[in-house]
Amino acid sequence: MTDPRPLLFSGVAQRDVTAVLSADEGGIVVHTEAAAAASADLGLTVHHHLAEGKPVQPGDEVLRVSGSPIQIAMAEERLVGLIAKPSGIATAASRFVDRAGGRLQIVSGAWKKLPFSQKDMIRSAITAGGAAPRIADWPFAYLDKNFVTMLGGVQGALNAVAAHQELADYQRIIQIADVEDACAAARGGAHIVFVDTGRIDDVNTVSRALRATGLRDRVRLAFGGGVQLTDIDRLRELDVDIVDIGRAIVDAPLLDMTFRVVSVR
């Protein structure tokens, strides 16, 4: 099938066209370097672009390029997508971080569930928004519910880590199902106890149990599962250290942008 664009622009191929990519809403822009590089690959002149992680308001110019009509047409097809989706993710992450007000550590590890080709883009966007892409700094052993089941329970999972000297310096992060498991994890040497139920009342129950048994100071307490931006207000008042955000960040909508021709010579 023939691409009609070369034919459509054949009569005006010598014209010099300038276009700008601008934000239609406020947020955080990322992957501007990648968009500038893609513009250069198309043969466009890049006049300027915003720095990675720059806050924008509606109408702010993100990128300005110039070239032939066919180059500008191809740029419109490629550049918006390079910036808009990761910028939407970065913006969502930033809103959660701002809402937490420094009281909670916001992390988003859900990028691991997405296609391999998208992981670097999503992870860098989360970081640009001020959130952490992992629940802890490397190195760590993450013992999710399936690991715990396969290894014979909380103590079995923790014993499996302890059995290997090469894992001695690894933080031990464990998902728990109930209060009993949370206390067992704290006693067994876990560093982070992760209540991944999506029920905010559960983290409150676990916190009270850990404090009643004198175990709360041994661990950091994390919560996750369907957390929305409005949930942060309640979580900020509870005894929890880390909140893991999934779809509300990694599946955030595009940051709305417009690619517009501003001059033709």
Protein backbone atom coordinates (compact mmCIF):
# COMPACT_ATOMS: atom_id res chain seq x y z
CA MET A 1 0.00 0.00 0.00
CA THR A 2 1.39 3.39 -1.02
CA ASP A 3 2.02 6.03 1.63
CA PRO A 4 0.16 9.09 0.26
CA ARG A 5 2.28 11.66 2.09
CA PRO A 6 5.21 11.87 -0.36
CA LEU A 7 2.73 12.41 -3.18
CA LEU A 8 0.70 14.98 -1.25
CA PHE A 9 3.78 17.06 -0.38
CA SER A 10 5.68 16.60 -3.63
CA GLY A 11 4.65 20.04 -4.88
CA VAL A 12 5.81 21.85 -1.74
CA ALA A 13 8.87 19.78 -0.91
CA GLN A 14 11.17 22.83 -0.82
CA ARG A 15 9.20 24.68 1.81
CA ASP A 16 10.68 25.12 5.27
CA VAL A 17 8.18 24.33 8.02
CA THR A 18 8.48 25.00 11.75
CA ALA A 19 6.34 23.13 14.24
CA VAL A 20 6.08 23.02 18.02
CA LEU A 21 5.00 20.35 20.44
CA SER A 22 3.23 21.94 23.39
CA ALA A 23 1.51 20.75 26.54
CA ASP A 24 -2.27 20.99 26.76
CA GLU A 25 -2.31 20.30 30.51
CA GLY A 26 -0.02 20.63 33.47
CA GLY A 27 2.37 17.85 34.37
CA ILE A 28 5.91 16.50 34.14
CA VAL A 29 7.51 15.92 30.72
CA VAL A 30 9.98 13.13 30.10
CA HIS A 31 11.67 11.45 27.14
CA THR A 32 12.33 14.83 25.59
CA GLU A 33 15.89 13.74 24.80
CA ALA A 34 14.53 10.70 22.95
CA ALA A 35 12.13 12.93 21.00
CA ALA A 36 14.95 15.29 20.07
CA ALA A 37 17.05 12.35 18.89
CA ALA A 38 14.13 10.98 16.85
CA SER A 39 13.68 14.42 15.28
CA ALA A 40 17.33 14.50 14.26
CA ASP A 41 17.00 11.01 12.79
CA LEU A 42 14.21 12.34 10.58
CA GLY A 43 16.54 15.09 9.35
CA LEU A 44 14.77 17.84 11.29
CA THR A 45 16.52 20.78 12.92
CA VAL A 46 15.84 20.78 16.66
CA HIS A 47 15.72 24.39 17.88
CA HIS A 48 15.12 23.53 21.52
CA HIS A 49 13.51 21.02 23.85
CA LEU A 50 12.74 21.01 27.55
CA ALA A 51 14.93 19.12 29.97
CA GLU A 52 13.90 15.70 31.27
CA GLY A 53 11.51 15.91 34.21
CA LYS A 54 10.60 19.55 33.63
CA PRO A 55 7.20 20.69 35.01
CA VAL A 56 4.91 22.22 32.39
CA GLN A 57 1.70 24.21 32.33
CA PRO A 58 -0.90 24.31 29.54
CA GLY A 59 0.54 26.04 26.50
CA ASP A 60 4.20 25.50 27.42
CA GLU A 61 6.41 24.66 24.46
CA VAL A 62 8.11 21.29 24.88
CA LEU A 63 9.92 20.94 21.56
CA ARG A 64 10.46 23.09 18.45
CA VAL A 65 11.64 21.63 15.15
CA SER A 66 11.85 22.63 11.50
CA GLY A 67 12.23 20.77 8.23
CA SER A 68 10.44 19.83 5.02
CA PRO A 69 6.69 19.18 4.96
CA ILE A 70 7.14 15.41 4.72
CA GLN A 71 9.59 15.45 7.65
CA ILE A 72 7.13 17.42 9.76
CA ALA A 73 4.30 15.04 8.84
CA MET A 74 6.41 12.07 9.94
CA ALA A 75 7.43 13.89 13.12
CA GLU A 76 3.81 14.41 14.14
CA GLU A 77 3.27 10.66 13.87
CA ARG A 78 6.31 9.78 16.02
CA LEU A 79 7.07 12.52 18.51
CA VAL A 80 3.80 12.88 20.42
CA GLY A 81 3.77 9.21 21.37
CA LEU A 82 7.40 9.28 22.49
CA ILE A 83 6.67 11.95 25.09
CA ALA A 84 2.95 11.86 25.94
CA LYS A 85 2.65 8.38 27.51
CA PRO A 86 5.77 8.45 29.73
CA SER A 87 4.94 12.03 30.69
CA GLY A 88 1.50 10.86 31.82
CA ILE A 89 3.15 8.22 34.01
CA ALA A 90 5.64 10.72 35.45
CA THR A 91 2.81 13.16 36.15
CA ALA A 92 0.75 10.52 37.97
CA ALA A 93 3.77 9.49 40.06
CA SER A 94 4.42 13.13 40.94
CA ARG A 95 0.84 13.60 42.12
CA PHE A 96 1.09 10.63 44.47
CA VAL A 97 4.42 11.86 45.84
CA ASP A 98 3.03 15.35 46.40
CA ARG A 99 -0.08 13.95 48.11
CA ALA A 100 2.08 11.83 50.43
CA GLY A 101 3.77 15.02 51.62
CA GLY A 102 6.96 13.28 52.65
CA ARG A 103 5.10 11.13 55.19
CA LEU A 104 5.06 7.99 52.98
CA GLN A 105 7.53 6.55 50.52
CA ILE A 106 5.74 6.09 47.20
CA VAL A 107 6.90 3.21 45.04
CA SER A 108 5.55 1.66 41.85
CA GLY A 109 6.82 -1.77 40.98
CA ALA A 110 4.03 -2.69 38.56
CA TRP A 111 6.26 -1.95 35.54
CA LYS A 112 7.63 -5.49 36.02
CA LYS A 113 4.27 -6.90 34.84
CA LEU A 114 4.37 -5.06 31.51
CA PRO A 115 5.98 -6.07 28.19
CA PHE A 116 9.78 -6.10 28.27
CA SER A 117 10.02 -3.49 25.51
CA GLN A 118 8.17 -0.94 27.69
CA LYS A 119 9.93 -1.52 30.99
CA ASP A 120 12.79 0.97 30.64
CA MET A 121 10.42 3.73 29.51
CA ILE A 122 7.99 3.18 32.38
CA ARG A 123 10.68 2.78 35.03
CA SER A 124 12.41 6.03 34.02
CA ALA A 125 9.07 7.87 33.97
CA ILE A 126 8.25 6.68 37.51
CA THR A 127 11.63 7.92 38.70
CA ALA A 128 11.20 11.28 36.96
CA GLY A 129 7.92 11.71 38.87
CA GLY A 130 9.75 11.33 42.17
CA ALA A 131 8.57 7.82 43.04
CA ALA A 132 10.77 4.76 43.41
CA PRO A 133 10.53 1.96 40.82
CA ARG A 134 11.38 -0.67 43.44
CA ILE A 135 10.26 -1.24 47.01
CA ALA A 136 13.86 -1.26 48.26
CA ASP A 137 17.35 -0.51 47.07
CA TRP A 138 19.21 -3.41 45.52
CA PRO A 139 20.21 -6.00 46.66
CA PHE A 140 17.06 -7.60 48.06
CA ALA A 141 15.15 -10.87 47.98
CA TYR A 142 11.47 -10.31 47.23
CA LEU A 143 9.39 -13.16 48.63
CA ASP A 144 5.93 -12.85 47.14
CA LYS A 145 2.92 -14.92 48.11
CA ASN A 146 3.73 -17.66 45.62
CA PHE A 147 7.32 -17.93 46.86
CA VAL A 148 6.03 -18.18 50.43
CA THR A 149 3.61 -20.96 49.47
CA MET A 150 6.22 -22.93 47.51
CA LEU A 151 8.84 -22.58 50.26
CA GLY A 152 6.54 -23.85 52.99
CA GLY A 153 5.35 -20.64 54.61
CA VAL A 154 6.86 -17.45 55.98
CA GLN A 155 9.58 -19.10 58.04
CA GLY A 156 10.47 -21.49 55.24
CA ALA A 157 10.84 -18.59 52.81
CA LEU A 158 13.07 -16.63 55.19
CA ASN A 159 15.11 -19.76 55.94
CA ALA A 160 15.66 -20.25 52.21
CA VAL A 161 17.31 -16.83 52.04
CA ALA A 162 19.33 -17.37 55.21
CA ALA A 163 20.64 -20.70 53.91
CA HIS A 164 22.77 -19.00 51.26
CA GLN A 165 25.77 -16.96 52.36
CA GLU A 166 25.77 -15.03 49.08
CA LEU A 167 22.38 -13.59 50.11
CA ALA A 168 23.52 -12.52 53.58
CA ASP A 169 23.51 -8.81 52.71
CA TYR A 170 20.19 -8.91 50.86
CA GLN A 171 17.18 -7.17 52.35
CA ARG A 172 14.32 -9.61 52.87
CA ILE A 173 10.94 -8.35 51.69
CA ILE A 174 7.94 -10.60 52.20
CA GLN A 175 4.28 -10.46 51.29
CA ILE A 176 2.05 -11.63 54.11
CA ALA A 177 -1.51 -12.92 54.24
CA ASP A 178 -2.50 -12.18 57.82
CA VAL A 179 -1.42 -10.87 61.23
CA GLU A 180 0.15 -14.19 62.24
CA ASP A 181 2.34 -14.19 59.12
CA ALA A 182 3.31 -10.55 59.71
CA CYS A 183 4.54 -11.32 63.23
CA ALA A 184 6.34 -14.45 62.03
CA ALA A 185 8.06 -12.42 59.32
CA ALA A 186 9.22 -9.77 61.79
CA ARG A 187 10.52 -12.41 64.19
CA GLY A 188 12.21 -14.29 61.35
CA GLY A 189 14.34 -11.37 60.18
CA ALA A 190 12.31 -9.73 57.42
CA HIS A 191 13.23 -6.13 56.68
CA ILE A 192 9.97 -5.13 54.98
CA VAL A 193 6.56 -6.67 55.68
CA PHE A 194 4.27 -6.05 52.72
CA VAL A 195 0.50 -6.08 53.24
CA ASP A 196 -0.59 -6.51 49.62
CA THR A 197 -4.31 -7.02 50.14
CA GLY A 198 -5.71 -3.71 48.94
CA ARG A 199 -7.70 -3.40 52.18
CA ILE A 200 -6.50 -0.40 54.15
CA ASP A 201 -7.93 -1.78 57.38
CA ASP A 202 -5.54 -4.73 57.07
CA VAL A 203 -2.44 -2.56 57.38
CA ASN A 204 -3.93 -1.02 60.52
CA THR A 205 -4.54 -4.46 62.00
CA VAL A 206 -1.02 -5.64 61.18
CA SER A 207 0.51 -2.48 62.62
CA ARG A 208 -1.36 -2.91 65.92
CA ALA A 209 -0.29 -6.55 66.17
CA LEU A 210 3.35 -5.75 65.50
CA ARG A 211 3.32 -3.01 68.14
CA ALA A 212 1.55 -5.22 70.67
CA THR A 213 4.27 -7.85 70.28
CA GLY A 214 7.15 -5.35 70.31
CA LEU A 215 8.06 -6.15 66.71
CA ARG A 216 7.10 -2.99 64.85
CA ASP A 217 10.52 -1.34 65.16
CA ARG A 218 12.19 -4.33 63.51
CA VAL A 219 10.53 -3.85 60.14
CA ARG A 220 9.28 -1.31 57.65
CA LEU A 221 5.61 -1.76 56.85
CA ALA A 222 4.41 -1.56 53.26
CA PHE A 223 0.91 -1.56 51.77
CA GLY A 224 -0.41 -2.02 48.25
CA GLY A 225 -3.24 -3.24 46.08
CA GLY A 226 -5.42 -0.95 43.99
CA VAL A 227 -4.35 2.22 45.79
CA GLN A 228 -5.86 5.40 44.34
CA LEU A 229 -4.75 9.00 44.83
CA THR A 230 -7.56 9.74 47.28
CA ASP A 231 -6.47 6.78 49.47
CA ILE A 232 -3.20 8.56 50.27
CA ASP A 233 -4.98 10.98 52.61
CA ARG A 234 -6.07 8.12 54.88
CA LEU A 235 -2.83 6.14 54.56
CA ARG A 236 -0.83 9.20 55.51
CA GLU A 237 -2.49 9.08 58.94
CA LEU A 238 -1.73 5.39 59.53
CA ASP A 239 1.32 3.54 60.82
CA VAL A 240 2.71 2.60 57.40
CA ASP A 241 6.05 3.47 55.79
CA ILE A 242 5.76 2.50 52.12
CA VAL A 243 2.83 2.55 49.70
CA ASP A 244 3.09 0.66 46.42
CA ILE A 245 1.00 2.08 43.57
CA GLY A 246 0.13 -0.08 40.58
CA ARG A 247 -2.23 0.78 37.75
CA ALA A 248 -2.93 4.30 38.94
CA ILE A 249 0.65 5.17 37.92
CA VAL A 250 1.74 2.73 35.19
CA ASP A 251 -1.62 2.87 33.40
CA ALA A 252 -1.96 6.65 33.71
CA PRO A 253 -3.46 8.45 30.68
CA LEU A 254 -1.31 10.35 28.24
CA LEU A 255 -0.26 13.87 29.13
CA ASP A 256 -2.29 15.68 26.49
CA MET A 257 -0.12 17.47 23.90
CA THR A 258 -0.51 19.21 20.56
CA PHE A 259 1.89 19.19 17.61
CA ARG A 260 1.24 22.35 15.61
CA VAL A 261 2.74 23.98 12.51
CA VAL A 262 3.58 27.58 13.34
CA SER A 263 5.25 28.78 10.14
CA VAL A 264 5.70 27.79 6.51
CA ARG A 265 8.29 29.54 4.34
